[in-house]
Amino acid sequence: MIEDFHKLPPYSLEKDEKGQLLLGELNQLTERHRTQCAEYAAYLEAIGYTGKQAKTLDEIPFVPIRIFKKIKLKSIPDDKVFKIMMSSGTSGQEQSKIYLDKETAILQQKVLLRLLGEFVGYKRLPMLVVDSRTTISDRQLFTTRGATIMGLDFMAKKMVFALKDNMDLNVDVLIDFVNTYGNEKFLLFGFTFMIWQHLLGEIERRNLKIDLSNGYLLTAGGWKKLKNEAVSNKDFKRRCEELCRIKHYVDHYGMAEQTGCIYAECEYGHLHASIYSDIIIRRYRDFSVCERGEKGFIQVLSSLAHSYPGHSILTEDEGVILGEDDCPCGRKGKYIQVIGRMKNAEIRGCSDTYAASF
């Protein structure tokens, strides 16, 4: 059924039509993984799942996100494993391992580019990456950070890395990029804490005059570290504009366990679910479904988890649904606010785990 999704603009369906399409795909995935992954089948049996198809999205059985750290979950034979995605984790933490076959890896990348294209356009553009090239050195065993950068490669007319291997800012590379591409539209990518420390911090420390006003800044992760330093989203954007005149932003919420299904930020600051995915907020005490505007655990649903049972995951993040089908930006579907990690939950964002070493 996934081909039916590709025929539609990714933010075009209202609640009922989207729900029907997504429910059919997710029911198929539940059955597929139940028959092809013995560990997942045992889990479903343990929680009392009878195999009867869900009638609503909130009836799709979910797995806790930490299960991917404890159990090898895959619905493909070993010889079909094309890539293993690793979640981020600080030293000593267990990491999730996500097993992708070639079909699923291509699908996830295709959808990621479709979704980002809705915000920055589909034309390949020069891209300045605020990271080191060594981050993508191992293409088979990826962390989310490296995989995200590689996933954006197809959007880049040319990809330039702004940091040296020791994570120092390469000022000559930065200035050369601005001189070459700064007068036209370009992309700028980095995890938020790395943008804050290695780009903005160095520009300020060195008193550099850098104009990135034509750039579209794609960011992800790292907010926990910035919030610990009392830096809000507004503070981050204000400093970007003050130091290098950045005006265009596309932040997003996502995770290694559901690569491709990102929740991208519109011009009104709302994180949007596309037709490929959905969000359910569940109460802390009994996992019942929250009302709109009520804070709880974030459950993420994805139609892209074909090689492993990650199509319905209960995260350790807190969030709230702000609305559905009525965002001023015109995009249909739910739009949400991510409040942050649950207290005492592990640090797991790409930029946050990197920041934990500082």
Protein backbone atom coordinates (compact mmCIF):
# COMPACT_ATOMS: atom_id res chain seq x y z
CA MET A 1 0.00 0.00 0.00
CA ILE A 2 2.93 2.39 0.47
CA GLU A 3 2.77 3.37 -3.21
CA ASP A 4 -0.65 4.92 -2.52
CA PHE A 5 1.06 7.39 -0.16
CA HIS A 6 3.58 8.49 -2.79
CA LYS A 7 0.76 9.56 -5.13
CA LEU A 8 -0.41 12.20 -2.66
CA PRO A 9 1.13 15.46 -1.42
CA PRO A 10 2.50 14.62 2.05
CA TYR A 11 0.38 17.15 3.97
CA SER A 12 -2.81 16.96 1.91
CA LEU A 13 -5.17 14.62 3.76
CA GLU A 14 -7.59 15.54 6.52
CA LYS A 15 -8.19 13.38 9.59
CA ASP A 16 -10.67 10.78 8.34
CA GLU A 17 -9.11 10.14 4.95
CA LYS A 18 -5.59 9.98 6.33
CA GLY A 19 -6.66 7.77 9.22
CA GLN A 20 -8.23 5.21 6.90
CA LEU A 21 -5.16 5.05 4.64
CA LEU A 22 -2.67 4.87 7.51
CA LEU A 23 -4.69 2.36 9.52
CA GLY A 24 -4.73 -0.09 6.64
CA GLU A 25 -0.96 0.11 6.21
CA LEU A 26 -0.23 -0.20 9.93
CA ASN A 27 -2.49 -3.23 10.32
CA GLN A 28 -0.62 -4.91 7.48
CA LEU A 29 2.70 -4.09 9.13
CA THR A 30 1.59 -5.47 12.49
CA GLU A 31 0.66 -8.77 10.85
CA ARG A 32 3.78 -8.84 8.70
CA HIS A 33 6.07 -8.38 11.69
CA ARG A 34 4.07 -10.81 13.85
CA THR A 35 4.61 -13.58 11.30
CA GLN A 36 8.22 -12.74 10.45
CA CYS A 37 9.73 -11.72 13.80
CA ALA A 38 9.41 -14.35 16.56
CA GLU A 39 10.43 -11.92 19.31
CA TYR A 40 7.76 -9.44 18.27
CA ALA A 41 5.16 -12.22 18.08
CA ALA A 42 6.07 -13.25 21.65
CA TYR A 43 5.73 -9.64 22.79
CA LEU A 44 2.28 -9.34 21.21
CA GLU A 45 1.19 -12.56 22.89
CA ALA A 46 2.48 -11.29 26.25
CA ILE A 47 0.40 -8.11 26.03
CA GLY A 48 -2.71 -10.04 24.99
CA TYR A 49 -2.84 -9.06 21.33
CA THR A 50 -5.18 -11.52 19.61
CA GLY A 51 -4.35 -10.76 15.99
CA LYS A 52 -7.63 -8.97 15.41
CA GLN A 53 -7.10 -5.91 13.21
CA ALA A 54 -7.21 -2.52 14.92
CA LYS A 55 -10.25 -0.40 14.08
CA THR A 56 -8.60 2.90 15.05
CA LEU A 57 -5.01 4.14 15.09
CA ASP A 58 -4.86 4.19 18.89
CA GLU A 59 -5.59 0.42 18.92
CA ILE A 60 -2.39 -0.39 16.99
CA PRO A 61 -0.18 -2.20 19.57
CA PHE A 62 2.94 -0.24 20.49
CA VAL A 63 6.36 -1.29 21.75
CA PRO A 64 8.37 0.75 24.29
CA ILE A 65 11.32 2.43 22.61
CA ARG A 66 13.85 0.80 24.96
CA ILE A 67 13.00 -2.62 23.55
CA PHE A 68 15.34 -1.90 20.64
CA LYS A 69 18.21 -1.63 23.11
CA LYS A 70 17.45 -4.99 24.71
CA ILE A 71 16.22 -7.28 21.94
CA LYS A 72 17.27 -7.88 18.34
CA LEU A 73 14.08 -7.12 16.43
CA LYS A 74 14.03 -7.66 12.69
CA SER A 75 11.61 -9.13 10.19
CA ILE A 76 14.19 -10.00 7.55
CA PRO A 77 16.81 -12.78 7.32
CA ASP A 78 20.43 -11.94 8.13
CA ASP A 79 21.48 -12.02 4.48
CA LYS A 80 18.99 -9.23 3.67
CA VAL A 81 20.40 -6.76 6.22
CA PHE A 82 21.64 -3.82 4.17
CA LYS A 83 22.35 -1.34 6.96
CA ILE A 84 22.23 -1.22 10.76
CA MET A 85 21.12 2.09 12.23
CA MET A 86 22.43 2.90 15.70
CA SER A 87 20.67 5.32 18.01
CA SER A 88 22.80 7.91 19.75
CA GLY A 89 24.00 7.23 23.27
CA THR A 90 26.54 8.57 25.70
CA SER A 91 29.45 6.39 26.80
CA GLY A 92 28.20 3.34 28.66
CA GLN A 93 24.62 3.59 27.41
CA GLU A 94 23.07 0.83 25.37
CA GLN A 95 22.13 1.81 21.83
CA SER A 96 19.16 0.79 19.74
CA LYS A 97 19.98 -1.28 16.67
CA ILE A 98 17.62 -0.91 13.73
CA TYR A 99 17.96 -3.44 10.91
CA LEU A 100 17.19 -2.20 7.40
CA ASP A 101 17.00 -4.07 4.14
CA LYS A 102 17.77 -2.14 0.98
CA GLU A 103 14.11 -1.54 0.18
CA THR A 104 13.37 0.00 3.59
CA ALA A 105 16.52 2.13 3.56
CA ILE A 106 15.61 3.56 0.14
CA LEU A 107 11.99 4.11 1.20
CA GLN A 108 12.98 6.00 4.34
CA GLN A 109 15.39 8.21 2.43
CA LYS A 110 12.83 8.89 -0.30
CA VAL A 111 10.22 10.01 2.22
CA LEU A 112 12.69 12.13 4.20
CA LEU A 113 13.53 14.06 1.04
CA ARG A 114 9.85 14.39 0.11
CA LEU A 115 9.01 15.87 3.50
CA LEU A 116 11.93 18.29 3.66
CA GLY A 117 11.25 19.31 0.07
CA GLU A 118 7.86 20.61 1.17
CA PHE A 119 9.68 23.17 3.34
CA VAL A 120 12.84 24.06 1.38
CA GLY A 121 11.97 23.06 -2.18
CA TYR A 122 13.05 20.11 -4.31
CA LYS A 123 15.92 21.71 -6.19
CA ARG A 124 19.39 20.42 -5.25
CA LEU A 125 21.27 23.20 -3.47
CA PRO A 126 24.74 23.78 -2.05
CA MET A 127 24.80 22.56 1.58
CA LEU A 128 27.08 23.63 4.43
CA VAL A 129 27.19 20.93 7.11
CA VAL A 130 28.23 22.04 10.60
CA ASP A 131 29.97 18.78 11.38
CA SER A 132 33.10 16.85 10.50
CA ARG A 133 33.38 14.56 7.47
CA THR A 134 34.51 11.76 9.81
CA THR A 135 30.91 11.52 11.07
CA ILE A 136 29.95 9.67 7.89
CA SER A 137 33.07 7.52 7.59
CA ASP A 138 31.35 4.18 8.44
CA ARG A 139 28.46 3.80 6.00
CA GLN A 140 27.34 0.38 7.17
CA LEU A 141 27.09 0.97 10.92
CA PHE A 142 25.54 4.41 11.24
CA THR A 143 24.60 6.53 14.19
CA THR A 144 21.56 8.71 13.58
CA ARG A 145 23.83 11.72 13.24
CA GLY A 146 25.82 10.22 10.37
CA ALA A 147 22.75 8.70 8.75
CA THR A 148 20.90 12.02 8.81
CA ILE A 149 23.78 13.75 7.05
CA MET A 150 24.01 11.00 4.45
CA GLY A 151 20.24 11.11 3.96
CA LEU A 152 20.51 14.79 3.08
CA ASP A 153 23.22 14.16 0.49
CA PHE A 154 20.58 13.72 -2.20
CA MET A 155 19.34 17.27 -1.52
CA ALA A 156 22.83 18.71 -1.93
CA LYS A 157 24.26 19.99 -5.17
CA LYS A 158 27.53 20.13 -3.23
CA MET A 159 28.09 19.17 0.42
CA VAL A 160 30.77 21.07 2.33
CA PHE A 161 31.79 20.27 5.94
CA ALA A 162 32.46 23.30 8.12
CA LEU A 163 34.30 21.53 10.96
CA LYS A 164 37.70 19.90 11.08
CA ASP A 165 38.18 16.36 12.41
CA ASN A 166 38.84 17.80 15.89
CA MET A 167 35.51 19.70 15.64
CA ASP A 168 37.16 23.13 15.34
CA LEU A 169 35.54 25.54 12.91
CA ASN A 170 37.35 25.61 9.57
CA VAL A 171 37.13 29.35 9.00
CA ASP A 172 38.70 29.22 5.53
CA VAL A 173 36.10 26.67 4.38
CA LEU A 174 33.26 28.73 5.86
CA ILE A 175 34.39 31.96 4.20
CA ASP A 176 35.00 30.22 0.86
CA PHE A 177 31.50 28.68 0.95
CA VAL A 178 29.88 32.05 1.68
CA ASN A 179 31.87 33.78 -1.06
CA THR A 180 30.95 31.06 -3.57
CA TYR A 181 27.30 30.38 -2.72
CA GLY A 182 26.17 33.07 -0.29
CA ASN A 183 24.36 35.18 -2.88
CA GLU A 184 21.94 32.39 -3.80
CA LYS A 185 19.67 30.05 -1.89
CA PHE A 186 21.58 27.32 -0.02
CA LEU A 187 21.09 24.81 2.79
CA LEU A 188 22.76 24.83 6.18
CA PHE A 189 22.52 21.73 8.36
CA GLY A 190 23.61 20.97 11.89
CA PHE A 191 22.42 19.59 15.22
CA THR A 192 21.37 22.47 17.43
CA PHE A 193 24.04 22.28 20.11
CA MET A 194 26.75 21.99 17.46
CA ILE A 195 25.40 25.03 15.62
CA TRP A 196 25.33 26.89 18.94
CA GLN A 197 28.83 25.96 20.07
CA HIS A 198 30.92 25.31 16.97
CA LEU A 199 29.42 27.83 14.54
CA LEU A 200 27.77 30.66 16.46
CA GLY A 201 30.20 30.51 19.37
CA GLU A 202 33.24 30.64 17.09
CA ILE A 203 31.80 33.38 14.88
CA GLU A 204 31.28 35.49 18.00
CA ARG A 205 34.64 34.62 19.57
CA ARG A 206 36.55 35.43 16.38
CA ASN A 207 34.37 38.47 15.59
CA LEU A 208 33.71 37.16 12.08
CA LYS A 209 31.39 38.97 9.68
CA ILE A 210 29.42 36.15 8.06
CA ASP A 211 26.22 36.61 6.05
CA LEU A 212 24.09 33.43 5.88
CA SER A 213 20.82 35.25 5.15
CA ASN A 214 20.13 33.21 2.01
CA GLY A 215 20.54 29.94 3.87
CA TYR A 216 17.79 27.60 5.08
CA LEU A 217 18.91 26.17 8.42
CA LEU A 218 17.87 22.54 8.92
CA THR A 219 18.32 21.50 12.54
CA ALA A 220 17.55 18.45 14.69
CA GLY A 221 18.18 17.39 18.28
CA GLY A 222 20.32 19.00 20.93
CA TRP A 223 17.63 21.00 22.69
CA LYS A 224 18.14 19.28 26.05
CA LYS A 225 21.67 20.65 26.36
CA LEU A 226 20.60 24.12 25.27
CA LYS A 227 17.68 24.16 27.71
CA ASN A 228 20.10 23.17 30.47
CA GLU A 229 21.99 26.34 29.55
CA ALA A 230 18.70 28.31 29.63
CA VAL A 231 18.68 28.72 25.84
CA SER A 232 15.18 28.66 24.35
CA ASN A 233 14.17 28.16 20.72
CA LYS A 234 13.63 31.92 20.49
CA ASP A 235 17.08 32.60 22.00
CA PHE A 236 18.66 30.23 19.48
CA LYS A 237 16.99 31.89 16.51
CA ARG A 238 17.73 35.39 17.78
CA ARG A 239 21.44 34.59 18.12
CA CYS A 240 21.50 33.02 14.64
CA GLU A 241 20.09 36.22 13.18
CA GLU A 242 22.31 38.54 15.21
CA LEU A 243 25.58 36.76 14.42
CA CYS A 244 25.08 35.64 10.81
CA ARG A 245 21.66 36.93 9.66
CA ILE A 246 19.96 33.53 9.39
CA LYS A 247 16.21 34.01 8.82
CA HIS A 248 14.90 30.67 7.55
CA TYR A 249 14.58 27.68 9.90
CA VAL A 250 13.35 24.08 9.59
CA ASP A 251 13.75 22.19 12.87
CA HIS A 252 12.33 18.67 13.17
CA TYR A 253 11.54 15.89 15.61
CA GLY A 254 12.58 12.35 14.72
CA MET A 255 14.51 9.28 15.87
CA ALA A 256 16.65 6.42 14.60
CA GLU A 257 13.86 3.96 15.36
CA GLN A 258 11.65 5.66 12.78
CA THR A 259 14.04 7.24 10.30
CA GLY A 260 12.34 9.04 7.43
CA CYS A 261 9.16 9.94 9.31
CA ILE A 262 10.22 13.31 10.61
CA TYR A 263 7.93 15.93 12.12
CA ALA A 264 9.14 19.15 10.50
CA GLU A 265 8.63 22.66 11.83
CA CYS A 266 6.53 25.06 9.77
CA GLU A 267 6.85 28.82 9.66
CA TYR A 268 4.50 29.06 12.68
CA GLY A 269 6.76 26.91 14.84
CA HIS A 270 4.52 23.81 14.72
CA LEU A 271 5.86 20.28 14.20
CA HIS A 272 3.74 18.50 11.58
CA ALA A 273 2.82 14.85 11.04
CA SER A 274 2.65 13.87 7.36
CA ILE A 275 0.42 11.27 5.71
CA TYR A 276 3.22 8.73 6.36
CA SER A 277 3.02 9.06 10.13
CA ASP A 278 0.95 10.08 13.09
CA ILE A 279 1.27 11.01 16.76
CA ILE A 280 -0.76 9.85 19.74
CA ILE A 281 -0.29 11.33 23.21
CA ARG A 282 -0.87 8.91 26.10
CA ARG A 283 -1.44 9.53 29.80
CA TYR A 284 1.27 8.63 32.30
CA ARG A 285 -0.89 6.67 34.68
CA ASP A 286 -2.56 4.18 32.34
CA PHE A 287 -1.46 4.95 28.74
CA SER A 288 -4.99 6.01 27.79
CA VAL A 289 -5.26 8.58 25.01
CA CYS A 290 -4.92 12.23 26.00
CA GLU A 291 -7.24 14.98 24.87
CA ARG A 292 -5.96 17.72 22.60
CA GLY A 293 -3.79 20.09 24.64
CA GLU A 294 -3.12 17.51 27.38
CA LYS A 295 0.51 16.60 28.08
CA GLY A 296 1.65 12.97 28.02
CA PHE A 297 3.94 10.35 26.48
CA ILE A 298 4.48 10.63 22.72
CA GLN A 299 3.58 7.56 20.66
CA VAL A 300 4.84 7.66 17.08
CA LEU A 301 3.33 5.73 14.18
CA SER A 302 5.18 5.16 10.91
CA SER A 303 4.31 3.47 7.65
CA LEU A 304 8.01 3.11 6.75
CA ALA A 305 9.20 0.42 9.22
CA HIS A 306 9.06 -2.53 6.82
CA SER A 307 12.12 -4.54 7.87
CA TYR A 308 11.64 -4.32 11.65
CA PRO A 309 8.63 -3.91 13.99
CA GLY A 310 9.03 -0.19 14.64
CA HIS A 311 5.78 1.04 13.11
CA SER A 312 4.25 1.88 16.52
CA ILE A 313 6.56 3.04 19.32
CA LEU A 314 5.94 4.59 22.72
CA THR A 315 8.78 7.05 23.28
CA GLU A 316 10.12 8.52 26.52
CA ASP A 317 9.39 12.05 25.28
CA GLU A 318 6.63 14.33 26.51
CA GLY A 319 4.46 16.29 24.16
CA VAL A 320 1.09 17.77 23.39
CA ILE A 321 -1.13 17.90 20.31
CA LEU A 322 -1.84 21.53 19.50
CA GLY A 323 -4.30 20.98 16.69
CA GLU A 324 -5.25 19.01 13.59
CA ASP A 325 -5.99 20.11 10.02
CA ASP A 326 -6.14 23.78 11.02
CA CYS A 327 -2.57 25.11 11.19
CA PRO A 328 -2.29 28.62 9.69
CA CYS A 329 0.44 27.32 7.37
CA GLY A 330 -2.19 25.32 5.48
CA ARG A 331 -0.68 21.86 5.98
CA LYS A 332 -3.14 19.16 7.00
CA GLY A 333 -2.64 16.62 9.79
CA LYS A 334 -1.77 16.89 13.47
CA TYR A 335 0.72 19.47 14.65
CA ILE A 336 2.46 19.11 17.98
CA GLN A 337 4.78 20.55 20.56
CA VAL A 338 7.58 18.39 21.96
CA ILE A 339 8.17 19.37 25.58
CA GLY A 340 11.26 17.22 26.14
CA ARG A 341 12.53 14.03 27.67
CA MET A 342 10.87 12.50 30.69
CA LYS A 343 12.76 13.18 33.92
CA ASN A 344 15.47 10.55 34.54
CA ALA A 345 15.19 9.22 30.96
CA GLU A 346 18.48 8.61 29.17
CA ILE A 347 20.00 11.32 27.00
CA ARG A 348 19.56 9.97 23.49
CA GLY A 349 19.40 12.82 20.95
CA CYS A 350 22.30 13.00 18.49
CA SER A 351 23.45 16.44 19.50
CA ASP A 352 22.64 15.91 23.16
CA THR A 353 24.80 12.81 23.42
CA TYR A 354 27.64 14.62 21.70
CA ALA A 355 27.13 17.60 24.02
CA ALA A 356 27.26 15.35 27.09
CA SER A 357 31.00 14.99 26.57
CA PHE A 358 31.54 18.72 27.13
